[in-house]
Amino acid sequence: MEKKEVQHQVHLDGAIGLLTGDLTESATRAGLDNQFQRWIEDLKDANNPAFHQAWWSTCKP
């Protein structure tokens, strides 16, 4: 499959998941993801390399 086809399939799968799943749970999860993203961006803006490094080291599998 070409990259473009794969991207379209991922978007379709996501849309199907939203339409057939629990919309409240999906909205909550999206809101939480957005909150984490804003928090990470705030940390980057604060230019705190020690904390940034510690945060990402905990995220690695």
PDB file of N, CA and C in Angstrom:
ATOM      1  N   MET A   1       0.832  -1.189   0.000  1.00  0.00           N
ATOM      2  CA  MET A   1       0.000   0.000   0.000  1.00  0.00           C
ATOM      3  C   MET A   1       0.871   1.245   0.000  1.00  0.00           C
ATOM      4  N   GLU A   2       0.478   2.221  -0.771  1.00  0.00           N
ATOM      5  CA  GLU A   2       1.207   3.489  -0.774  1.00  0.00           C
ATOM      6  C   GLU A   2       0.944   4.240   0.525  1.00  0.00           C
ATOM      7  N   LYS A   3       1.881   5.151   0.831  1.00  0.00           N
ATOM      8  CA  LYS A   3       1.757   5.936   2.065  1.00  0.00           C
ATOM      9  C   LYS A   3       0.424   6.675   2.112  1.00  0.00           C
ATOM     10  N   LYS A   4       0.009   7.262   1.005  1.00  0.00           N
ATOM     11  CA  LYS A   4      -1.236   8.023   0.956  1.00  0.00           C
ATOM     12  C   LYS A   4      -2.437   7.125   1.265  1.00  0.00           C
ATOM     13  N   GLU A   5      -2.421   5.917   0.713  1.00  0.00           N
ATOM     14  CA  GLU A   5      -3.519   4.976   0.958  1.00  0.00           C
ATOM     15  C   GLU A   5      -3.561   4.574   2.432  1.00  0.00           C
ATOM     16  N   VAL A   6      -2.396   4.348   3.009  1.00  0.00           N
ATOM     17  CA  VAL A   6      -2.323   3.969   4.416  1.00  0.00           C
ATOM     18  C   VAL A   6      -2.865   5.096   5.297  1.00  0.00           C
ATOM     19  N   GLN A   7      -2.491   6.329   4.982  1.00  0.00           N
ATOM     20  CA  GLN A   7      -2.975   7.479   5.753  1.00  0.00           C
ATOM     21  C   GLN A   7      -4.495   7.585   5.679  1.00  0.00           C
ATOM     22  N   HIS A   8      -5.046   7.384   4.480  1.00  0.00           N
ATOM     23  CA  HIS A   8      -6.497   7.441   4.329  1.00  0.00           C
ATOM     24  C   HIS A   8      -7.162   6.324   5.129  1.00  0.00           C
ATOM     25  N   GLN A   9      -6.577   5.137   5.104  1.00  0.00           N
ATOM     26  CA  GLN A   9      -7.151   4.016   5.842  1.00  0.00           C
ATOM     27  C   GLN A   9      -7.123   4.277   7.350  1.00  0.00           C
ATOM     28  N   VAL A  10      -6.026   4.865   7.831  1.00  0.00           N
ATOM     29  CA  VAL A  10      -5.924   5.186   9.259  1.00  0.00           C
ATOM     30  C   VAL A  10      -7.008   6.190   9.637  1.00  0.00           C
ATOM     31  N   HIS A  11      -7.228   7.209   8.806  1.00  0.00           N
ATOM     32  CA  HIS A  11      -8.266   8.201   9.082  1.00  0.00           C
ATOM     33  C   HIS A  11      -9.658   7.574   9.049  1.00  0.00           C
ATOM     34  N   LEU A  12      -9.889   6.691   8.072  1.00  0.00           N
ATOM     35  CA  LEU A  12     -11.180   6.010   8.006  1.00  0.00           C
ATOM     36  C   LEU A  12     -11.407   5.127   9.226  1.00  0.00           C
ATOM     37  N   ASP A  13     -10.382   4.395   9.620  1.00  0.00           N
ATOM     38  CA  ASP A  13     -10.496   3.540  10.804  1.00  0.00           C
ATOM     39  C   ASP A  13     -10.795   4.367  12.051  1.00  0.00           C
ATOM     40  N   GLY A  14     -10.131   5.519  12.166  1.00  0.00           N
ATOM     41  CA  GLY A  14     -10.378   6.405  13.297  1.00  0.00           C
ATOM     42  C   GLY A  14     -11.805   6.931  13.298  1.00  0.00           C
ATOM     43  N   ALA A  15     -12.289   7.320  12.125  1.00  0.00           N
ATOM     44  CA  ALA A  15     -13.661   7.833  12.020  1.00  0.00           C
ATOM     45  C   ALA A  15     -14.667   6.743  12.365  1.00  0.00           C
ATOM     46  N   ILE A  16     -14.430   5.532  11.889  1.00  0.00           N
ATOM     47  CA  ILE A  16     -15.328   4.417  12.203  1.00  0.00           C
ATOM     48  C   ILE A  16     -15.330   4.157  13.706  1.00  0.00           C
ATOM     49  N   GLY A  17     -14.144   4.208  14.309  1.00  0.00           N
ATOM     50  CA  GLY A  17     -14.054   4.018  15.756  1.00  0.00           C
ATOM     51  C   GLY A  17     -14.844   5.055  16.520  1.00  0.00           C
ATOM     52  N   LEU A  18     -14.770   6.311  16.072  1.00  0.00           N
ATOM     53  CA  LEU A  18     -15.525   7.374  16.738  1.00  0.00           C
ATOM     54  C   LEU A  18     -17.028   7.190  16.564  1.00  0.00           C
ATOM     55  N   LEU A  19     -17.436   6.798  15.358  1.00  0.00           N
ATOM     56  CA  LEU A  19     -18.866   6.677  15.074  1.00  0.00           C
ATOM     57  C   LEU A  19     -19.501   5.455  15.725  1.00  0.00           C
ATOM     58  N   THR A  20     -18.731   4.413  15.928  1.00  0.00           N
ATOM     59  CA  THR A  20     -19.295   3.186  16.497  1.00  0.00           C
ATOM     60  C   THR A  20     -18.971   3.017  17.976  1.00  0.00           C
ATOM     61  N   GLY A  21     -18.107   3.864  18.503  1.00  0.00           N
ATOM     62  CA  GLY A  21     -17.677   3.712  19.890  1.00  0.00           C
ATOM     63  C   GLY A  21     -18.407   4.625  20.837  1.00  0.00           C
ATOM     64  N   ASP A  22     -17.876   4.731  22.014  1.00  0.00           N
ATOM     65  CA  ASP A  22     -18.418   5.582  23.068  1.00  0.00           C
ATOM     66  C   ASP A  22     -17.900   7.003  22.838  1.00  0.00           C
ATOM     67  N   LEU A  23     -18.783   7.885  22.378  1.00  0.00           N
ATOM     68  CA  LEU A  23     -18.365   9.248  22.044  1.00  0.00           C
ATOM     69  C   LEU A  23     -17.902  10.021  23.271  1.00  0.00           C
ATOM     70  N   THR A  24     -18.499   9.761  24.421  1.00  0.00           N
ATOM     71  CA  THR A  24     -18.082  10.450  25.642  1.00  0.00           C
ATOM     72  C   THR A  24     -16.661  10.070  26.002  1.00  0.00           C
ATOM     73  N   GLU A  25     -16.357   8.779  25.911  1.00  0.00           N
ATOM     74  CA  GLU A  25     -15.002   8.321  26.217  1.00  0.00           C
ATOM     75  C   GLU A  25     -13.999   8.898  25.223  1.00  0.00           C
ATOM     76  N   SER A  26     -14.358   8.917  23.934  1.00  0.00           N
ATOM     77  CA  SER A  26     -13.461   9.456  22.912  1.00  0.00           C
ATOM     78  C   SER A  26     -13.200  10.935  23.128  1.00  0.00           C
ATOM     79  N   ALA A  27     -14.244  11.671  23.471  1.00  0.00           N
ATOM     80  CA  ALA A  27     -14.087  13.109  23.715  1.00  0.00           C
ATOM     81  C   ALA A  27     -13.222  13.356  24.941  1.00  0.00           C
ATOM     82  N   THR A  28     -13.420  12.550  25.975  1.00  0.00           N
ATOM     83  CA  THR A  28     -12.623  12.692  27.191  1.00  0.00           C
ATOM     84  C   THR A  28     -11.160  12.397  26.893  1.00  0.00           C
ATOM     85  N   ARG A  29     -10.920  11.320  26.151  1.00  0.00           N
ATOM     86  CA  ARG A  29      -9.551  10.943  25.815  1.00  0.00           C
ATOM     87  C   ARG A  29      -8.893  12.028  24.961  1.00  0.00           C
ATOM     88  N   ALA A  30      -9.626  12.577  24.005  1.00  0.00           N
ATOM     89  CA  ALA A  30      -9.084  13.637  23.158  1.00  0.00           C
ATOM     90  C   ALA A  30      -8.780  14.876  23.987  1.00  0.00           C
ATOM     91  N   GLY A  31      -9.667  15.194  24.913  1.00  0.00           N
ATOM     92  CA  GLY A  31      -9.429  16.349  25.780  1.00  0.00           C
ATOM     93  C   GLY A  31      -8.201  16.154  26.643  1.00  0.00           C
ATOM     94  N   LEU A  32      -8.026  14.945  27.159  1.00  0.00           N
ATOM     95  CA  LEU A  32      -6.861  14.643  27.978  1.00  0.00           C
ATOM     96  C   LEU A  32      -5.586  14.713  27.145  1.00  0.00           C
ATOM     97  N   ASP A  33      -5.635  14.171  25.925  1.00  0.00           N
ATOM     98  CA  ASP A  33      -4.481  14.245  25.030  1.00  0.00           C
ATOM     99  C   ASP A  33      -4.105  15.692  24.745  1.00  0.00           C
ATOM    100  N   ASN A  34      -5.123  16.522  24.512  1.00  0.00           N
ATOM    101  CA  ASN A  34      -4.869  17.942  24.254  1.00  0.00           C
ATOM    102  C   ASN A  34      -4.261  18.618  25.473  1.00  0.00           C
ATOM    103  N   GLN A  35      -4.749  18.251  26.654  1.00  0.00           N
ATOM    104  CA  GLN A  35      -4.218  18.837  27.882  1.00  0.00           C
ATOM    105  C   GLN A  35      -2.744  18.466  28.068  1.00  0.00           C
ATOM    106  N   PHE A  36      -2.422  17.178  27.834  1.00  0.00           N
ATOM    107  CA  PHE A  36      -1.031  16.744  27.936  1.00  0.00           C
ATOM    108  C   PHE A  36      -0.158  17.475  26.918  1.00  0.00           C
ATOM    109  N   GLN A  37      -0.659  17.642  25.702  1.00  0.00           N
ATOM    110  CA  GLN A  37       0.113  18.326  24.666  1.00  0.00           C
ATOM    111  C   GLN A  37       0.390  19.777  25.071  1.00  0.00           C
ATOM    112  N   ARG A  38      -0.614  20.467  25.611  1.00  0.00           N
ATOM    113  CA  ARG A  38      -0.408  21.854  26.064  1.00  0.00           C
ATOM    114  C   ARG A  38       0.601  21.902  27.204  1.00  0.00           C
ATOM    115  N   TRP A  39       0.527  20.934  28.116  1.00  0.00           N
ATOM    116  CA  TRP A  39       1.454  20.877  29.242  1.00  0.00           C
ATOM    117  C   TRP A  39       2.882  20.668  28.756  1.00  0.00           C
ATOM    118  N   ILE A  40       3.052  19.777  27.791  1.00  0.00           N
ATOM    119  CA  ILE A  40       4.382  19.522  27.226  1.00  0.00           C
ATOM    120  C   ILE A  40       4.903  20.775  26.536  1.00  0.00           C
ATOM    121  N   GLU A  41       4.047  21.451  25.785  1.00  0.00           N
ATOM    122  CA  GLU A  41       4.464  22.684  25.104  1.00  0.00           C
ATOM    123  C   GLU A  41       4.843  23.763  26.125  1.00  0.00           C
ATOM    124  N   ASP A  42       4.100  23.858  27.210  1.00  0.00           N
ATOM    125  CA  ASP A  42       4.435  24.820  28.264  1.00  0.00           C
ATOM    126  C   ASP A  42       5.810  24.518  28.856  1.00  0.00           C
ATOM    127  N   LEU A  43       6.095  23.236  29.059  1.00  0.00           N
ATOM    128  CA  LEU A  43       7.402  22.853  29.594  1.00  0.00           C
ATOM    129  C   LEU A  43       8.520  23.215  28.617  1.00  0.00           C
ATOM    130  N   LYS A  44       8.279  22.983  27.346  1.00  0.00           N
ATOM    131  CA  LYS A  44       9.279  23.351  26.337  1.00  0.00           C
ATOM    132  C   LYS A  44       9.508  24.860  26.342  1.00  0.00           C
ATOM    133  N   ASP A  45       8.410  25.609  26.444  1.00  0.00           N
ATOM    134  CA  ASP A  45       8.518  27.073  26.464  1.00  0.00           C
ATOM    135  C   ASP A  45       9.276  27.555  27.695  1.00  0.00           C
ATOM    136  N   ALA A  46       9.130  26.849  28.792  1.00  0.00           N
ATOM    137  CA  ALA A  46       9.829  27.231  30.016  1.00  0.00           C
ATOM    138  C   ALA A  46      11.320  26.935  29.920  1.00  0.00           C
ATOM    139  N   ASN A  47      11.695  26.186  28.893  1.00  0.00           N
ATOM    140  CA  ASN A  47      13.094  25.855  28.642  1.00  0.00           C
ATOM    141  C   ASN A  47      13.742  25.237  29.877  1.00  0.00           C
ATOM    142  N   ASN A  48      13.129  24.163  30.337  1.00  0.00           N
ATOM    143  CA  ASN A  48      13.640  23.441  31.495  1.00  0.00           C
ATOM    144  C   ASN A  48      14.169  22.089  31.008  1.00  0.00           C
ATOM    145  N   PRO A  49      15.402  22.058  30.488  1.00  0.00           N
ATOM    146  CA  PRO A  49      15.924  20.842  29.871  1.00  0.00           C
ATOM    147  C   PRO A  49      15.967  19.651  30.824  1.00  0.00           C
ATOM    148  N   ALA A  50      16.258  19.868  32.094  1.00  0.00           N
ATOM    149  CA  ALA A  50      16.345  18.755  33.041  1.00  0.00           C
ATOM    150  C   ALA A  50      14.987  18.074  33.199  1.00  0.00           C
ATOM    151  N   PHE A  51      13.945  18.878  33.345  1.00  0.00           N
ATOM    152  CA  PHE A  51      12.620  18.301  33.501  1.00  0.00           C
ATOM    153  C   PHE A  51      12.159  17.649  32.205  1.00  0.00           C
ATOM    154  N   HIS A  52      12.427  18.313  31.085  1.00  0.00           N
ATOM    155  CA  HIS A  52      12.046  17.775  29.778  1.00  0.00           C
ATOM    156  C   HIS A  52      12.703  16.410  29.557  1.00  0.00           C
ATOM    157  N   GLN A  53      13.979  16.288  29.887  1.00  0.00           N
ATOM    158  CA  GLN A  53      14.697  15.021  29.730  1.00  0.00           C
ATOM    159  C   GLN A  53      14.104  13.962  30.654  1.00  0.00           C
ATOM    160  N   ALA A  54      13.802  14.326  31.892  1.00  0.00           N
ATOM    161  CA  ALA A  54      13.231  13.374  32.839  1.00  0.00           C
ATOM    162  C   ALA A  54      11.862  12.883  32.367  1.00  0.00           C
ATOM    163  N   TRP A  55      11.057  13.808  31.836  1.00  0.00           N
ATOM    164  CA  TRP A  55       9.725  13.455  31.345  1.00  0.00           C
ATOM    165  C   TRP A  55       9.820  12.435  30.220  1.00  0.00           C
ATOM    166  N   TRP A  56      10.660  12.694  29.211  1.00  0.00           N
ATOM    167  CA  TRP A  56      10.725  11.799  28.064  1.00  0.00           C
ATOM    168  C   TRP A  56      11.369  10.471  28.419  1.00  0.00           C
ATOM    169  N   SER A  57      12.243  10.455  29.422  1.00  0.00           N
ATOM    170  CA  SER A  57      12.846   9.171  29.804  1.00  0.00           C
ATOM    171  C   SER A  57      11.794   8.259  30.432  1.00  0.00           C
ATOM    172  N   THR A  58      10.756   8.830  31.030  1.00  0.00           N
ATOM    173  CA  THR A  58       9.682   8.001  31.610  1.00  0.00           C
ATOM    174  C   THR A  58       8.714   7.526  30.542  1.00  0.00           C
ATOM    175  N   CYS A  59       8.696   8.146  29.384  1.00  0.00           N
ATOM    176  CA  CYS A  59       7.768   7.779  28.326  1.00  0.00           C
ATOM    177  C   CYS A  59       8.282   6.642  27.449  1.00  0.00           C
ATOM    178  N   LYS A  60       9.565   6.358  27.516  1.00  0.00           N
ATOM    179  CA  LYS A  60      10.129   5.312  26.668  1.00  0.00           C
ATOM    180  C   LYS A  60       9.735   3.936  27.189  1.00  0.00           C
ATOM    181  N   PRO A  61       9.394   3.033  26.252  1.00  0.00           N
ATOM    182  CA  PRO A  61       8.975   1.674  26.663  1.00  0.00           C
ATOM    183  C   PRO A  61      10.120   0.878  27.265  1.00  0.00           C
TER     184      PRO A  61
END
